[in-house]
Amino acid sequence: MKTILRSTVFVLLVLVATTSLIPPVAAASPSVVIVNWGDTLYGIAARNGTSVDALMRANGLPNPNFIYAGQRLVLAAPGSAPGAPAPAPVPSGSVYVVNYGDTLATIAGRFSTTVDALMRSNGIYNRNFIYAGQRLNVPGRVTQPVPQPINVPANPPSSGAVNNAPATGKWIDVSINRQTITAYQGSTPLKSVLVSTGVAWHPTPVGRYKVYMKIPSQTMSGGSGADAYYLPGVPWVMYFAGGNAIHGTYWHQNFGTPMSHGCVNLTIADAKWFYEWAEMGTPVVTHF
């Protein structure tokens, strides 16, 4: 019995000593940063003297808008300079191909034009609504319209009366044009907040639907290549049209701008409110 006790004590001491040598999982090393709630890749890059492109390359990130709290991101070695950004590609003739990180403002400055001119030349109705791979006419050099993917929507009509809106009971209005979601009781609005609906190549479906499934938290993943995403712990999910849902969002704060793969992104607090307010079968009307 004494031998067994001595052996047990010895094993416990070894385990304690070994455990004390293992650093806590949550502690970030000098070359690693842990993503916090509300962080963006742009903010992390600025705080750590690096660039978004360098972070994406070092961590194999396909999309700069898809990071999540608790994620561990590798930084450049201490003291090393961030990688130089790739040179801007020269447009082919009258066409410029959008790259990751481009904005209409930076493109306009590169070609000595204006954001408004780029928007008019390319039929763009939202200055924040461009995407990598999109082909843009350069004003003053364009002779023919640039073909766009067939699933990029035309300019939406101005907002007006909501078609097929329920006359009584609870229902949810999603305005893609205004990037808002509103909870109605009959004709009385109860709560209205900003959202992020689908981007041009993954648009939010338009029509009248119903909440057909509610899940308090789930992992969402999909896409491929540069369009791939993996998002654990998406909260307060309400499916209303196929794989499209109203849900909370922790990986970006750009509400008021299309950002999603067709879902309706809300802040976590707003998503919780709508989740608790809406029952199964609550009508959801989406429109421009």
C-alpha atoms as a PDB file:
ATOM      1  CA  MET A   1       0.000   0.000   0.000  1.00  0.00           C
ATOM      2  CA  LYS A   2       2.836   2.430   0.897  1.00  0.00           C
ATOM      3  CA  THR A   3       4.547   1.641  -2.404  1.00  0.00           C
ATOM      4  CA  ILE A   4       1.341   2.393  -4.304  1.00  0.00           C
ATOM      5  CA  LEU A   5       0.883   5.666  -2.418  1.00  0.00           C
ATOM      6  CA  ARG A   6       4.486   6.725  -3.064  1.00  0.00           C
ATOM      7  CA  SER A   7       4.074   5.916  -6.778  1.00  0.00           C
ATOM      8  CA  THR A   8       0.833   7.872  -6.943  1.00  0.00           C
ATOM      9  CA  VAL A   9       2.387  10.907  -5.247  1.00  0.00           C
ATOM     10  CA  PHE A  10       5.379  10.726  -7.598  1.00  0.00           C
ATOM     11  CA  VAL A  11       3.121  10.629 -10.683  1.00  0.00           C
ATOM     12  CA  LEU A  12       1.075  13.570  -9.403  1.00  0.00           C
ATOM     13  CA  LEU A  13       4.233  15.599  -8.763  1.00  0.00           C
ATOM     14  CA  VAL A  14       5.473  14.864 -12.294  1.00  0.00           C
ATOM     15  CA  LEU A  15       2.119  15.912 -13.770  1.00  0.00           C
ATOM     16  CA  VAL A  16       2.086  19.144 -11.761  1.00  0.00           C
ATOM     17  CA  ALA A  17       5.646  19.960 -12.748  1.00  0.00           C
ATOM     18  CA  THR A  18       4.962  19.186 -16.407  1.00  0.00           C
ATOM     19  CA  THR A  19       1.729  21.173 -16.454  1.00  0.00           C
ATOM     20  CA  SER A  20       3.479  24.205 -14.983  1.00  0.00           C
ATOM     21  CA  LEU A  21       5.759  24.259 -18.014  1.00  0.00           C
ATOM     22  CA  ILE A  22       2.872  24.507 -20.501  1.00  0.00           C
ATOM     23  CA  PRO A  23       1.889  28.120 -21.262  1.00  0.00           C
ATOM     24  CA  PRO A  24      -1.814  29.006 -21.000  1.00  0.00           C
ATOM     25  CA  VAL A  25      -3.679  28.509 -24.255  1.00  0.00           C
ATOM     26  CA  ALA A  26      -5.094  32.025 -24.146  1.00  0.00           C
ATOM     27  CA  ALA A  27      -1.703  33.702 -23.839  1.00  0.00           C
ATOM     28  CA  ALA A  28      -0.500  35.089 -27.155  1.00  0.00           C
ATOM     29  CA  SER A  29       3.167  34.693 -28.027  1.00  0.00           C
ATOM     30  CA  PRO A  30       5.047  37.693 -29.520  1.00  0.00           C
ATOM     31  CA  SER A  31       4.226  36.401 -33.021  1.00  0.00           C
ATOM     32  CA  VAL A  32       0.567  35.571 -32.387  1.00  0.00           C
ATOM     33  CA  VAL A  33      -2.453  37.750 -31.680  1.00  0.00           C
ATOM     34  CA  ILE A  34      -5.830  36.491 -30.450  1.00  0.00           C
ATOM     35  CA  VAL A  35      -8.884  38.069 -32.057  1.00  0.00           C
ATOM     36  CA  ASN A  36     -11.272  39.807 -29.642  1.00  0.00           C
ATOM     37  CA  TRP A  37     -14.950  40.699 -30.051  1.00  0.00           C
ATOM     38  CA  GLY A  38     -15.257  43.670 -32.420  1.00  0.00           C
ATOM     39  CA  ASP A  39     -11.784  43.267 -33.920  1.00  0.00           C
ATOM     40  CA  THR A  40     -11.303  43.692 -37.656  1.00  0.00           C
ATOM     41  CA  LEU A  41      -8.340  42.573 -39.722  1.00  0.00           C
ATOM     42  CA  TYR A  42      -7.692  46.220 -40.574  1.00  0.00           C
ATOM     43  CA  GLY A  43      -7.566  47.224 -36.893  1.00  0.00           C
ATOM     44  CA  ILE A  44      -5.274  44.304 -35.996  1.00  0.00           C
ATOM     45  CA  ALA A  45      -2.928  45.170 -38.872  1.00  0.00           C
ATOM     46  CA  ALA A  46      -2.751  48.823 -37.801  1.00  0.00           C
ATOM     47  CA  ARG A  47      -2.078  47.945 -34.131  1.00  0.00           C
ATOM     48  CA  ASN A  48       0.717  45.546 -35.021  1.00  0.00           C
ATOM     49  CA  GLY A  49       2.504  47.503 -37.752  1.00  0.00           C
ATOM     50  CA  THR A  50       1.632  45.150 -40.576  1.00  0.00           C
ATOM     51  CA  SER A  51      -0.817  45.040 -43.480  1.00  0.00           C
ATOM     52  CA  VAL A  52      -4.087  43.243 -44.167  1.00  0.00           C
ATOM     53  CA  ASP A  53      -2.487  41.462 -47.127  1.00  0.00           C
ATOM     54  CA  ALA A  54       0.398  40.238 -44.949  1.00  0.00           C
ATOM     55  CA  LEU A  55      -2.021  38.903 -42.320  1.00  0.00           C
ATOM     56  CA  MET A  56      -4.106  37.151 -44.971  1.00  0.00           C
ATOM     57  CA  ARG A  57      -1.027  35.516 -46.510  1.00  0.00           C
ATOM     58  CA  ALA A  58       0.431  34.458 -43.147  1.00  0.00           C
ATOM     59  CA  ASN A  59      -2.836  32.872 -42.000  1.00  0.00           C
ATOM     60  CA  GLY A  60      -4.322  31.611 -45.261  1.00  0.00           C
ATOM     61  CA  LEU A  61      -7.369  33.850 -44.913  1.00  0.00           C
ATOM     62  CA  PRO A  62      -9.567  33.884 -48.033  1.00  0.00           C
ATOM     63  CA  ASN A  63     -11.639  36.906 -46.992  1.00  0.00           C
ATOM     64  CA  PRO A  64     -10.508  39.922 -44.908  1.00  0.00           C
ATOM     65  CA  ASN A  65     -14.005  40.294 -43.432  1.00  0.00           C
ATOM     66  CA  PHE A  66     -14.228  36.767 -41.992  1.00  0.00           C
ATOM     67  CA  ILE A  67     -12.358  36.486 -38.678  1.00  0.00           C
ATOM     68  CA  TYR A  68     -13.829  35.473 -35.328  1.00  0.00           C
ATOM     69  CA  ALA A  69     -13.290  36.021 -31.602  1.00  0.00           C
ATOM     70  CA  GLY A  70     -10.747  33.577 -30.183  1.00  0.00           C
ATOM     71  CA  GLN A  71      -9.039  32.997 -33.523  1.00  0.00           C
ATOM     72  CA  ARG A  72      -5.203  32.974 -33.299  1.00  0.00           C
ATOM     73  CA  LEU A  73      -3.511  34.996 -36.045  1.00  0.00           C
ATOM     74  CA  VAL A  74       0.184  34.690 -36.875  1.00  0.00           C
ATOM     75  CA  LEU A  75       2.063  37.986 -37.186  1.00  0.00           C
ATOM     76  CA  ALA A  76       5.384  38.741 -38.851  1.00  0.00           C
ATOM     77  CA  ALA A  77       8.452  38.031 -36.694  1.00  0.00           C
ATOM     78  CA  PRO A  78       9.173  40.848 -34.174  1.00  0.00           C
ATOM     79  CA  GLY A  79      11.161  43.650 -35.764  1.00  0.00           C
ATOM     80  CA  SER A  80      10.524  42.541 -39.305  1.00  0.00           C
ATOM     81  CA  ALA A  81       8.929  44.987 -41.681  1.00  0.00           C
ATOM     82  CA  PRO A  82       5.553  44.124 -43.120  1.00  0.00           C
ATOM     83  CA  GLY A  83       5.606  42.820 -46.643  1.00  0.00           C
ATOM     84  CA  ALA A  84       5.379  45.419 -49.349  1.00  0.00           C
ATOM     85  CA  PRO A  85       2.007  45.523 -51.040  1.00  0.00           C
ATOM     86  CA  ALA A  86       1.807  44.101 -54.514  1.00  0.00           C
ATOM     87  CA  PRO A  87       1.973  46.769 -57.217  1.00  0.00           C
ATOM     88  CA  ALA A  88      -1.345  47.849 -58.628  1.00  0.00           C
ATOM     89  CA  PRO A  89      -2.093  46.041 -61.869  1.00  0.00           C
ATOM     90  CA  VAL A  90      -2.124  48.089 -65.031  1.00  0.00           C
ATOM     91  CA  PRO A  91      -5.564  48.136 -66.622  1.00  0.00           C
ATOM     92  CA  SER A  92      -6.013  46.270 -69.856  1.00  0.00           C
ATOM     93  CA  GLY A  93      -7.202  48.899 -72.330  1.00  0.00           C
ATOM     94  CA  SER A  94     -10.241  50.602 -70.780  1.00  0.00           C
ATOM     95  CA  VAL A  95     -10.888  47.995 -68.066  1.00  0.00           C
ATOM     96  CA  TYR A  96      -9.622  47.671 -64.481  1.00  0.00           C
ATOM     97  CA  VAL A  97     -10.018  44.412 -62.521  1.00  0.00           C
ATOM     98  CA  VAL A  98     -10.777  44.984 -58.827  1.00  0.00           C
ATOM     99  CA  ASN A  99      -8.353  43.427 -56.304  1.00  0.00           C
ATOM    100  CA  TYR A 100      -8.846  42.561 -52.622  1.00  0.00           C
ATOM    101  CA  GLY A 101      -8.595  45.747 -50.548  1.00  0.00           C
ATOM    102  CA  ASP A 102      -9.551  48.056 -53.424  1.00  0.00           C
ATOM    103  CA  THR A 103     -12.158  50.758 -52.893  1.00  0.00           C
ATOM    104  CA  LEU A 104     -13.759  53.022 -55.451  1.00  0.00           C
ATOM    105  CA  ALA A 105     -11.898  55.934 -53.861  1.00  0.00           C
ATOM    106  CA  THR A 106      -8.454  54.326 -54.290  1.00  0.00           C
ATOM    107  CA  ILE A 107      -9.268  53.241 -57.852  1.00  0.00           C
ATOM    108  CA  ALA A 108     -10.501  56.733 -58.709  1.00  0.00           C
ATOM    109  CA  GLY A 109      -7.304  58.279 -57.314  1.00  0.00           C
ATOM    110  CA  ARG A 110      -5.144  55.810 -59.253  1.00  0.00           C
ATOM    111  CA  PHE A 111      -6.693  56.861 -62.573  1.00  0.00           C
ATOM    112  CA  SER A 112      -7.263  60.576 -61.842  1.00  0.00           C
ATOM    113  CA  THR A 113     -11.041  60.296 -61.936  1.00  0.00           C
ATOM    114  CA  THR A 114     -13.826  60.506 -59.337  1.00  0.00           C
ATOM    115  CA  VAL A 115     -15.909  58.002 -57.441  1.00  0.00           C
ATOM    116  CA  ASP A 116     -19.101  59.449 -58.962  1.00  0.00           C
ATOM    117  CA  ALA A 117     -17.676  59.029 -62.476  1.00  0.00           C
ATOM    118  CA  LEU A 118     -16.781  55.395 -61.771  1.00  0.00           C
ATOM    119  CA  MET A 119     -20.265  54.757 -60.375  1.00  0.00           C
ATOM    120  CA  ARG A 120     -21.948  56.296 -63.438  1.00  0.00           C
ATOM    121  CA  SER A 121     -19.716  54.430 -65.897  1.00  0.00           C
ATOM    122  CA  ASN A 122     -20.359  51.054 -64.269  1.00  0.00           C
ATOM    123  CA  GLY A 123     -23.963  51.328 -63.097  1.00  0.00           C
ATOM    124  CA  ILE A 124     -22.936  51.115 -59.422  1.00  0.00           C
ATOM    125  CA  TYR A 125     -25.549  52.326 -56.945  1.00  0.00           C
ATOM    126  CA  ASN A 126     -23.575  51.752 -53.721  1.00  0.00           C
ATOM    127  CA  ARG A 127     -20.005  53.105 -53.523  1.00  0.00           C
ATOM    128  CA  ASN A 128     -19.102  50.394 -50.973  1.00  0.00           C
ATOM    129  CA  PHE A 129     -20.442  47.602 -53.182  1.00  0.00           C
ATOM    130  CA  ILE A 130     -17.528  46.340 -55.322  1.00  0.00           C
ATOM    131  CA  TYR A 131     -15.788  42.969 -55.202  1.00  0.00           C
ATOM    132  CA  ALA A 132     -12.515  41.288 -56.151  1.00  0.00           C
ATOM    133  CA  GLY A 133     -12.560  40.176 -59.783  1.00  0.00           C
ATOM    134  CA  GLN A 134     -15.148  42.760 -60.836  1.00  0.00           C
ATOM    135  CA  ARG A 135     -14.301  44.500 -64.132  1.00  0.00           C
ATOM    136  CA  LEU A 136     -14.725  48.276 -64.088  1.00  0.00           C
ATOM    137  CA  ASN A 137     -14.837  50.738 -66.959  1.00  0.00           C
ATOM    138  CA  VAL A 138     -12.305  53.559 -66.528  1.00  0.00           C
ATOM    139  CA  PRO A 139     -14.115  56.847 -67.341  1.00  0.00           C
ATOM    140  CA  GLY A 140     -12.759  58.658 -70.376  1.00  0.00           C
ATOM    141  CA  ARG A 141     -11.215  55.482 -71.806  1.00  0.00           C
ATOM    142  CA  VAL A 142     -14.338  53.398 -72.311  1.00  0.00           C
ATOM    143  CA  THR A 143     -15.701  52.582 -75.746  1.00  0.00           C
ATOM    144  CA  GLN A 144     -17.932  49.591 -74.943  1.00  0.00           C
ATOM    145  CA  PRO A 145     -19.844  48.571 -71.796  1.00  0.00           C
ATOM    146  CA  VAL A 146     -17.958  46.067 -69.648  1.00  0.00           C
ATOM    147  CA  PRO A 147     -19.839  42.749 -69.318  1.00  0.00           C
ATOM    148  CA  GLN A 148     -20.711  41.886 -65.710  1.00  0.00           C
ATOM    149  CA  PRO A 149     -21.730  38.545 -64.153  1.00  0.00           C
ATOM    150  CA  ILE A 150     -25.359  37.798 -64.902  1.00  0.00           C
ATOM    151  CA  ASN A 151     -26.262  37.568 -61.213  1.00  0.00           C
ATOM    152  CA  VAL A 152     -25.189  41.138 -60.404  1.00  0.00           C
ATOM    153  CA  PRO A 153     -28.459  43.035 -59.865  1.00  0.00           C
ATOM    154  CA  ALA A 154     -29.316  46.201 -61.752  1.00  0.00           C
ATOM    155  CA  ASN A 155     -29.898  49.428 -59.864  1.00  0.00           C
ATOM    156  CA  PRO A 156     -32.796  48.800 -57.463  1.00  0.00           C
ATOM    157  CA  PRO A 157     -35.921  50.913 -57.701  1.00  0.00           C
ATOM    158  CA  SER A 158     -36.422  53.550 -55.074  1.00  0.00           C
ATOM    159  CA  SER A 159     -38.060  52.349 -51.879  1.00  0.00           C
ATOM    160  CA  GLY A 160     -41.786  52.688 -51.700  1.00  0.00           C
ATOM    161  CA  ALA A 161     -44.747  50.750 -50.381  1.00  0.00           C
ATOM    162  CA  VAL A 162     -43.906  47.172 -49.418  1.00  0.00           C
ATOM    163  CA  ASN A 163     -45.735  44.686 -51.614  1.00  0.00           C
ATOM    164  CA  ASN A 164     -47.468  41.743 -49.920  1.00  0.00           C
ATOM    165  CA  ALA A 165     -47.016  43.239 -46.458  1.00  0.00           C
ATOM    166  CA  PRO A 166     -49.269  41.549 -43.861  1.00  0.00           C
ATOM    167  CA  ALA A 167     -52.081  43.741 -42.574  1.00  0.00           C
ATOM    168  CA  THR A 168     -52.135  42.253 -39.066  1.00  0.00           C
ATOM    169  CA  GLY A 169     -49.919  40.341 -36.672  1.00  0.00           C
ATOM    170  CA  LYS A 170     -46.163  40.197 -36.363  1.00  0.00           C
ATOM    171  CA  TRP A 171     -43.999  40.410 -39.486  1.00  0.00           C
ATOM    172  CA  ILE A 172     -40.443  41.347 -40.426  1.00  0.00           C
ATOM    173  CA  ASP A 173     -39.503  43.833 -43.156  1.00  0.00           C
ATOM    174  CA  VAL A 174     -36.020  43.671 -44.736  1.00  0.00           C
ATOM    175  CA  SER A 175     -35.160  46.614 -47.003  1.00  0.00           C
ATOM    176  CA  ILE A 176     -32.157  45.775 -49.192  1.00  0.00           C
ATOM    177  CA  ASN A 177     -32.064  49.315 -50.554  1.00  0.00           C
ATOM    178  CA  ARG A 178     -31.904  50.905 -47.092  1.00  0.00           C
ATOM    179  CA  GLN A 179     -30.045  47.980 -45.423  1.00  0.00           C
ATOM    180  CA  THR A 180     -32.538  47.849 -42.562  1.00  0.00           C
ATOM    181  CA  ILE A 181     -34.680  45.298 -40.775  1.00  0.00           C
ATOM    182  CA  THR A 182     -37.921  46.350 -39.062  1.00  0.00           C
ATOM    183  CA  ALA A 183     -40.210  44.427 -36.735  1.00  0.00           C
ATOM    184  CA  TYR A 184     -43.866  45.251 -37.348  1.00  0.00           C
ATOM    185  CA  GLN A 185     -47.051  44.575 -35.434  1.00  0.00           C
ATOM    186  CA  GLY A 186     -49.617  45.101 -38.158  1.00  0.00           C
ATOM    187  CA  SER A 187     -48.759  48.517 -39.587  1.00  0.00           C
ATOM    188  CA  THR A 188     -46.902  49.673 -36.462  1.00  0.00           C
ATOM    189  CA  PRO A 189     -43.079  49.505 -36.551  1.00  0.00           C
ATOM    190  CA  LEU A 190     -41.645  48.294 -33.236  1.00  0.00           C
ATOM    191  CA  LYS A 191     -37.899  48.159 -33.876  1.00  0.00           C
ATOM    192  CA  SER A 192     -35.731  49.074 -36.873  1.00  0.00           C
ATOM    193  CA  VAL A 193     -31.937  48.620 -37.125  1.00  0.00           C
ATOM    194  CA  LEU A 194     -29.192  48.515 -39.743  1.00  0.00           C
ATOM    195  CA  VAL A 195     -28.211  45.172 -41.289  1.00  0.00           C
ATOM    196  CA  SER A 196     -25.870  43.749 -43.912  1.00  0.00           C
ATOM    197  CA  THR A 197     -27.635  41.786 -46.638  1.00  0.00           C
ATOM    198  CA  GLY A 198     -26.097  39.760 -49.480  1.00  0.00           C
ATOM    199  CA  VAL A 199     -23.398  41.100 -51.772  1.00  0.00           C
ATOM    200  CA  ALA A 200     -24.059  41.346 -55.514  1.00  0.00           C
ATOM    201  CA  TRP A 201     -22.844  37.862 -56.383  1.00  0.00           C
ATOM    202  CA  HIS A 202     -24.659  36.288 -53.383  1.00  0.00           C
ATOM    203  CA  PRO A 203     -27.841  38.416 -53.197  1.00  0.00           C
ATOM    204  CA  THR A 204     -30.497  38.137 -50.531  1.00  0.00           C
ATOM    205  CA  PRO A 205     -33.636  36.675 -52.146  1.00  0.00           C
ATOM    206  CA  VAL A 206     -36.510  39.092 -52.651  1.00  0.00           C
ATOM    207  CA  GLY A 207     -40.099  38.101 -51.851  1.00  0.00           C
ATOM    208  CA  ARG A 208     -42.405  37.040 -49.035  1.00  0.00           C
ATOM    209  CA  TYR A 209     -41.246  34.164 -46.823  1.00  0.00           C
ATOM    210  CA  LYS A 210     -41.751  32.766 -43.313  1.00  0.00           C
ATOM    211  CA  VAL A 211     -39.420  31.865 -40.464  1.00  0.00           C
ATOM    212  CA  TYR A 212     -39.263  28.076 -40.795  1.00  0.00           C
ATOM    213  CA  MET A 213     -36.395  27.183 -38.430  1.00  0.00           C
ATOM    214  CA  LYS A 214     -34.815  28.753 -35.334  1.00  0.00           C
ATOM    215  CA  ILE A 215     -31.403  27.734 -33.967  1.00  0.00           C
ATOM    216  CA  PRO A 216     -29.801  29.561 -31.010  1.00  0.00           C
ATOM    217  CA  SER A 217     -26.229  28.914 -32.227  1.00  0.00           C
ATOM    218  CA  GLN A 218     -24.555  26.998 -35.056  1.00  0.00           C
ATOM    219  CA  THR A 219     -21.442  26.753 -37.226  1.00  0.00           C
ATOM    220  CA  MET A 220     -21.825  28.145 -40.732  1.00  0.00           C
ATOM    221  CA  SER A 221     -19.449  27.249 -43.552  1.00  0.00           C
ATOM    222  CA  GLY A 222     -19.447  27.140 -47.314  1.00  0.00           C
ATOM    223  CA  GLY A 223     -18.051  28.628 -50.468  1.00  0.00           C
ATOM    224  CA  SER A 224     -14.761  27.671 -52.076  1.00  0.00           C
ATOM    225  CA  GLY A 225     -11.391  29.249 -52.798  1.00  0.00           C
ATOM    226  CA  ALA A 226     -11.321  32.967 -52.061  1.00  0.00           C
ATOM    227  CA  ASP A 227     -15.059  32.792 -51.328  1.00  0.00           C
ATOM    228  CA  ALA A 228     -14.766  30.133 -48.592  1.00  0.00           C
ATOM    229  CA  TYR A 229     -15.829  30.822 -45.011  1.00  0.00           C
ATOM    230  CA  TYR A 230     -15.989  28.946 -41.685  1.00  0.00           C
ATOM    231  CA  LEU A 231     -17.843  30.666 -38.848  1.00  0.00           C
ATOM    232  CA  PRO A 232     -18.340  28.751 -35.574  1.00  0.00           C
ATOM    233  CA  GLY A 233     -20.926  29.846 -33.028  1.00  0.00           C
ATOM    234  CA  VAL A 234     -23.134  32.045 -35.208  1.00  0.00           C
ATOM    235  CA  PRO A 235     -25.866  33.155 -32.757  1.00  0.00           C
ATOM    236  CA  TRP A 236     -29.642  33.649 -32.938  1.00  0.00           C
ATOM    237  CA  VAL A 237     -30.286  32.093 -36.355  1.00  0.00           C
ATOM    238  CA  MET A 238     -33.707  32.279 -38.041  1.00  0.00           C
ATOM    239  CA  TYR A 239     -33.981  30.649 -41.476  1.00  0.00           C
ATOM    240  CA  PHE A 240     -36.579  32.172 -43.792  1.00  0.00           C
ATOM    241  CA  ALA A 241     -35.643  31.214 -47.404  1.00  0.00           C
ATOM    242  CA  GLY A 242     -33.631  28.077 -48.130  1.00  0.00           C
ATOM    243  CA  GLY A 243     -30.176  28.535 -46.612  1.00  0.00           C
ATOM    244  CA  ASN A 244     -30.729  32.250 -45.997  1.00  0.00           C
ATOM    245  CA  ALA A 245     -31.197  33.348 -42.411  1.00  0.00           C
ATOM    246  CA  ILE A 246     -31.469  36.359 -40.133  1.00  0.00           C
ATOM    247  CA  HIS A 247     -28.651  35.985 -37.573  1.00  0.00           C
ATOM    248  CA  GLY A 248     -26.147  37.639 -35.283  1.00  0.00           C
ATOM    249  CA  THR A 249     -22.718  38.607 -36.634  1.00  0.00           C
ATOM    250  CA  TYR A 250     -19.410  38.894 -34.781  1.00  0.00           C
ATOM    251  CA  TRP A 251     -16.926  38.975 -37.692  1.00  0.00           C
ATOM    252  CA  HIS A 252     -17.657  42.485 -38.963  1.00  0.00           C
ATOM    253  CA  GLN A 253     -19.223  45.762 -37.850  1.00  0.00           C
ATOM    254  CA  ASN A 254     -20.068  47.142 -41.303  1.00  0.00           C
ATOM    255  CA  PHE A 255     -23.825  47.198 -40.816  1.00  0.00           C
ATOM    256  CA  GLY A 256     -25.520  49.332 -43.433  1.00  0.00           C
ATOM    257  CA  THR A 257     -23.312  47.800 -46.170  1.00  0.00           C
ATOM    258  CA  PRO A 258     -23.963  44.508 -48.044  1.00  0.00           C
ATOM    259  CA  MET A 259     -21.518  41.919 -46.650  1.00  0.00           C
ATOM    260  CA  SER A 260     -23.137  38.473 -46.567  1.00  0.00           C
ATOM    261  CA  HIS A 261     -23.654  35.365 -48.707  1.00  0.00           C
ATOM    262  CA  GLY A 262     -27.397  36.116 -48.836  1.00  0.00           C
ATOM    263  CA  CYS A 263     -28.193  36.098 -45.130  1.00  0.00           C
ATOM    264  CA  VAL A 264     -29.277  39.138 -43.139  1.00  0.00           C
ATOM    265  CA  ASN A 265     -26.477  40.090 -40.702  1.00  0.00           C
ATOM    266  CA  LEU A 266     -27.395  41.865 -37.440  1.00  0.00           C
ATOM    267  CA  THR A 267     -25.442  42.787 -34.334  1.00  0.00           C
ATOM    268  CA  ILE A 268     -25.620  40.023 -31.748  1.00  0.00           C
ATOM    269  CA  ALA A 269     -27.841  42.114 -29.461  1.00  0.00           C
ATOM    270  CA  ASP A 270     -30.279  42.994 -32.258  1.00  0.00           C
ATOM    271  CA  ALA A 271     -30.367  39.402 -33.527  1.00  0.00           C
ATOM    272  CA  LYS A 272     -31.246  38.178 -30.017  1.00  0.00           C
ATOM    273  CA  TRP A 273     -34.101  40.686 -29.824  1.00  0.00           C
ATOM    274  CA  PHE A 274     -35.590  39.574 -33.172  1.00  0.00           C
ATOM    275  CA  TYR A 275     -35.035  35.878 -32.314  1.00  0.00           C
ATOM    276  CA  GLU A 276     -36.965  36.198 -29.044  1.00  0.00           C
ATOM    277  CA  TRP A 277     -39.682  38.405 -30.567  1.00  0.00           C
ATOM    278  CA  ALA A 278     -40.479  36.370 -33.700  1.00  0.00           C
ATOM    279  CA  GLU A 279     -42.238  33.015 -33.543  1.00  0.00           C
ATOM    280  CA  MET A 280     -41.975  30.182 -36.031  1.00  0.00           C
ATOM    281  CA  GLY A 281     -44.008  31.111 -39.094  1.00  0.00           C
ATOM    282  CA  THR A 282     -43.522  34.868 -38.713  1.00  0.00           C
ATOM    283  CA  PRO A 283     -43.714  36.413 -42.229  1.00  0.00           C
ATOM    284  CA  VAL A 284     -40.488  37.900 -43.603  1.00  0.00           C
ATOM    285  CA  VAL A 285     -40.818  40.361 -46.508  1.00  0.00           C
ATOM    286  CA  THR A 286     -37.595  41.246 -48.354  1.00  0.00           C
ATOM    287  CA  HIS A 287     -37.556  43.964 -50.993  1.00  0.00           C
ATOM    288  CA  PHE A 288     -35.635  46.829 -52.552  1.00  0.00           C
END
